[in-house]
Amino acid sequence: MDVDEFWHLIEESAREAVGREARLEWLHERLVRRSAEDIIDFASWMEVARRKVDTYLMWGAARTLHLVGGLDSIWYFYSWIISLGRETFEQVTSDPDTLMDVPEVRRYNTMQRDRVRRSDEDRPEFEELGYVAVRAWEQATGGDWDALADALEARGHVLDSLPNPADEEWDLDDKQESARRLPRINRNMSELYGRA
């Protein structure tokens, strides 16, 4: 499975299934019918994508937009960004300041501002997407997570259970630094909440 096929599966799951549980089931059904090597490939491309989105700048963007809380939620947020498809993923990873342009983010922020009750489907987290390859691996091969992890590590992946950004670290609570690094997001949030 090459990277194009990986993204095709992610995007087709959104077209073919309604809701996150249905998407997971759809992906699981497709992966479990494939070879062990294809399942490793899918897991490998997930790792590549998560590493690309795992930056302090993206973390800062997500925090400024009130999309994440602690370490776990940022990790689940990264899977959610992947679930939005290749075009959105490439846009926001190349410029996290464009995260505010994502329709799902704008909708979530508006719901938050208006104190509209949000469901799990609305939340910008998709934890289970990170486990779909593991479930398929276990069913298709009878192997466990450790065997899949060994295969991924043999391909050079360093498997972290929490974010580990490689870009320049900065104080994510520093509002001036956030405004300097993410000017569009900060302006948008001021406008959204009616602050100068």
Protein backbone atom coordinates (compact mmCIF):
# COMPACT_ATOMS: atom_id res chain seq x y z
CA MET A 1 0.00 0.00 0.00
CA ASP A 2 1.48 3.32 -1.03
CA VAL A 3 0.67 6.73 0.44
CA ASP A 4 -1.95 7.46 -2.23
CA GLU A 5 -3.84 4.29 -1.36
CA PHE A 6 -3.64 5.13 2.34
CA TRP A 7 -5.26 8.51 1.75
CA HIS A 8 -7.80 6.97 -0.62
CA LEU A 9 -8.94 4.61 2.16
CA ILE A 10 -9.15 7.44 4.71
CA GLU A 11 -11.19 9.60 2.33
CA GLU A 12 -13.37 6.78 1.01
CA SER A 13 -14.30 5.83 4.57
CA ALA A 14 -15.72 9.34 5.01
CA ARG A 15 -17.73 9.06 1.79
CA GLU A 16 -19.00 5.52 2.37
CA ALA A 17 -19.82 5.56 6.08
CA VAL A 18 -21.76 7.99 8.24
CA GLY A 19 -20.33 8.61 11.69
CA ARG A 20 -17.06 7.65 13.28
CA GLU A 21 -18.03 4.17 14.40
CA ALA A 22 -19.22 3.33 10.89
CA ARG A 23 -16.00 4.72 9.41
CA LEU A 24 -13.93 2.58 11.75
CA GLU A 25 -15.92 -0.49 10.83
CA TRP A 26 -15.61 0.30 7.13
CA LEU A 27 -11.83 0.70 7.40
CA HIS A 28 -11.53 -2.43 9.54
CA GLU A 29 -13.43 -4.50 6.99
CA ARG A 30 -11.18 -3.28 4.18
CA LEU A 31 -7.93 -3.77 6.08
CA VAL A 32 -8.70 -7.20 7.54
CA ARG A 33 -9.10 -8.60 4.01
CA ARG A 34 -5.65 -7.40 3.01
CA SER A 35 -2.23 -8.90 3.54
CA ALA A 36 -0.31 -8.43 6.77
CA GLU A 37 2.12 -6.28 4.79
CA ASP A 38 -0.70 -3.94 3.72
CA ILE A 39 -1.87 -3.57 7.31
CA ILE A 40 1.68 -2.70 8.35
CA ASP A 41 1.78 -0.20 5.47
CA PHE A 42 -1.45 1.44 6.65
CA ALA A 43 -0.14 1.67 10.22
CA SER A 44 3.15 3.01 8.89
CA TRP A 45 1.44 5.77 6.88
CA MET A 46 -0.59 6.70 9.98
CA GLU A 47 2.69 7.10 11.87
CA VAL A 48 4.18 9.20 9.08
CA ALA A 49 1.10 11.45 9.08
CA ARG A 50 1.03 11.77 12.88
CA ARG A 51 4.70 12.73 12.94
CA LYS A 52 4.10 15.39 10.29
CA VAL A 53 1.25 16.99 12.23
CA ASP A 54 3.05 16.66 15.60
CA THR A 55 4.53 20.15 15.93
CA TYR A 56 4.49 22.80 18.63
CA LEU A 57 3.02 25.19 16.07
CA MET A 58 0.08 22.83 15.42
CA TRP A 59 -0.30 22.25 19.14
CA GLY A 60 -0.36 26.01 19.70
CA ALA A 61 -2.92 26.47 16.91
CA ALA A 62 -5.18 23.79 18.38
CA ARG A 63 -4.91 25.27 21.88
CA THR A 64 -5.59 28.82 20.71
CA LEU A 65 -8.70 27.54 18.92
CA HIS A 66 -9.79 25.71 22.11
CA LEU A 67 -9.76 22.36 20.32
CA VAL A 68 -7.60 20.42 22.77
CA GLY A 69 -6.81 20.10 26.43
CA GLY A 70 -4.14 17.75 27.71
CA LEU A 71 -1.57 15.48 26.10
CA ASP A 72 -4.02 12.72 25.24
CA SER A 73 -6.43 15.07 23.52
CA ILE A 74 -3.73 16.56 21.27
CA TRP A 75 -2.76 13.04 20.19
CA TYR A 76 -6.40 12.24 19.39
CA PHE A 77 -6.68 15.61 17.62
CA TYR A 78 -3.85 14.57 15.28
CA SER A 79 -5.83 11.48 14.28
CA TRP A 80 -8.86 13.70 13.70
CA ILE A 81 -6.84 15.96 11.38
CA ILE A 82 -5.80 12.87 9.40
CA SER A 83 -9.46 11.78 9.20
CA LEU A 84 -10.34 15.03 7.39
CA GLY A 85 -8.44 13.85 4.31
CA ARG A 86 -5.26 14.57 2.46
CA GLU A 87 -6.03 18.04 1.12
CA THR A 88 -6.99 19.45 4.52
CA PHE A 89 -4.14 17.59 6.21
CA GLU A 90 -1.53 18.95 3.77
CA GLN A 91 -2.90 22.48 4.05
CA VAL A 92 -2.89 22.68 7.85
CA THR A 93 0.41 20.86 8.32
CA SER A 94 2.14 23.21 5.89
CA ASP A 95 0.58 26.24 7.64
CA PRO A 96 -1.12 25.59 11.01
CA ASP A 97 -2.41 29.18 10.97
CA THR A 98 -4.92 27.98 8.32
CA LEU A 99 -6.51 25.55 10.79
CA MET A 100 -9.20 28.16 11.40
CA ASP A 101 -10.25 27.83 7.74
CA VAL A 102 -11.28 24.20 8.20
CA PRO A 103 -15.12 24.15 8.17
CA GLU A 104 -15.29 21.57 10.99
CA VAL A 105 -13.09 23.82 13.18
CA ARG A 106 -15.16 26.92 12.46
CA ARG A 107 -18.36 25.00 13.24
CA TYR A 108 -16.93 23.65 16.49
CA ASN A 109 -15.74 27.10 17.58
CA THR A 110 -19.14 28.60 16.85
CA MET A 111 -20.85 25.84 18.83
CA GLN A 112 -18.44 26.46 21.69
CA ARG A 113 -18.99 30.21 21.65
CA ASP A 114 -22.76 29.76 21.56
CA ARG A 115 -22.61 27.10 24.28
CA VAL A 116 -24.30 24.56 22.04
CA ARG A 117 -24.18 21.03 23.38
CA ARG A 118 -21.55 19.07 21.44
CA SER A 119 -21.58 15.35 20.78
CA ASP A 120 -18.60 13.04 20.44
CA GLU A 121 -19.04 13.34 16.66
CA ASP A 122 -18.50 17.11 16.93
CA ARG A 123 -15.34 16.93 19.00
CA PRO A 124 -12.05 17.39 17.15
CA GLU A 125 -10.69 14.08 18.41
CA PHE A 126 -10.68 10.64 16.77
CA GLU A 127 -8.75 8.40 19.14
CA GLU A 128 -9.99 5.12 17.66
CA LEU A 129 -8.65 5.90 14.18
CA GLY A 130 -5.19 5.38 15.64
CA TYR A 131 -6.15 1.80 16.58
CA VAL A 132 -7.91 0.62 13.41
CA ALA A 133 -4.76 -1.01 12.00
CA VAL A 134 -4.10 -2.77 15.32
CA ARG A 135 -7.59 -4.30 15.37
CA ALA A 136 -7.26 -5.42 11.76
CA TRP A 137 -3.78 -6.81 12.43
CA GLU A 138 -4.98 -8.83 15.41
CA GLN A 139 -7.91 -10.30 13.49
CA ALA A 140 -6.06 -10.95 10.23
CA THR A 141 -2.83 -12.36 11.67
CA GLY A 142 -3.65 -13.50 15.18
CA GLY A 143 -0.69 -11.38 16.27
CA ASP A 144 -0.83 -8.77 19.00
CA TRP A 145 0.11 -5.09 19.20
CA ASP A 146 3.69 -5.96 20.09
CA ALA A 147 4.17 -7.83 16.80
CA LEU A 148 2.79 -4.89 14.81
CA ALA A 149 4.93 -2.48 16.85
CA ASP A 150 8.00 -4.59 16.09
CA ALA A 151 7.20 -4.43 12.37
CA LEU A 152 6.80 -0.65 12.53
CA GLU A 153 10.00 -0.20 14.51
CA ALA A 154 11.80 -2.38 11.95
CA ARG A 155 10.74 0.25 9.39
CA GLY A 156 12.35 2.97 11.48
CA HIS A 157 9.32 4.31 13.35
CA VAL A 158 9.79 5.51 16.90
CA LEU A 159 6.48 4.74 18.57
CA ASP A 160 5.53 7.34 21.16
CA SER A 161 2.30 7.10 23.07
CA LEU A 162 2.17 10.88 23.44
CA PRO A 163 3.12 13.86 21.26
CA ASN A 164 6.82 14.49 20.78
CA PRO A 165 7.16 17.58 18.55
CA ALA A 166 10.45 18.05 16.74
CA ASP A 167 10.08 21.73 15.81
CA GLU A 168 11.06 24.74 17.94
CA GLU A 169 9.49 24.61 21.39
CA TRP A 170 7.76 27.73 22.67
CA ASP A 171 5.53 28.69 25.59
CA LEU A 172 2.06 27.78 24.34
CA ASP A 173 0.50 29.89 27.13
CA ASP A 174 2.31 33.07 25.98
CA LYS A 175 -0.45 35.05 24.26
CA GLN A 176 1.95 37.49 22.60
CA GLU A 177 4.06 34.68 21.19
CA SER A 178 0.92 32.91 19.99
CA ALA A 179 -0.26 36.11 18.26
CA ARG A 180 3.14 36.44 16.58
CA ARG A 181 3.29 32.84 15.38
CA LEU A 182 -0.42 32.39 14.59
CA PRO A 183 -1.75 35.84 13.66
CA ARG A 184 -4.78 34.74 11.64
CA ILE A 185 -6.03 32.32 14.29
CA ASN A 186 -5.62 34.90 17.05
CA ARG A 187 -7.45 37.57 15.03
CA ASN A 188 -10.22 35.11 14.21
CA MET A 189 -10.70 34.13 17.84
CA SER A 190 -10.82 37.79 18.92
CA GLU A 191 -13.49 38.45 16.30
CA LEU A 192 -15.41 35.29 17.15
CA TYR A 193 -15.56 36.14 20.84
CA GLY A 194 -15.93 39.90 20.32
CA ARG A 195 -12.61 40.92 21.84
CA ALA A 196 -10.35 43.63 20.48
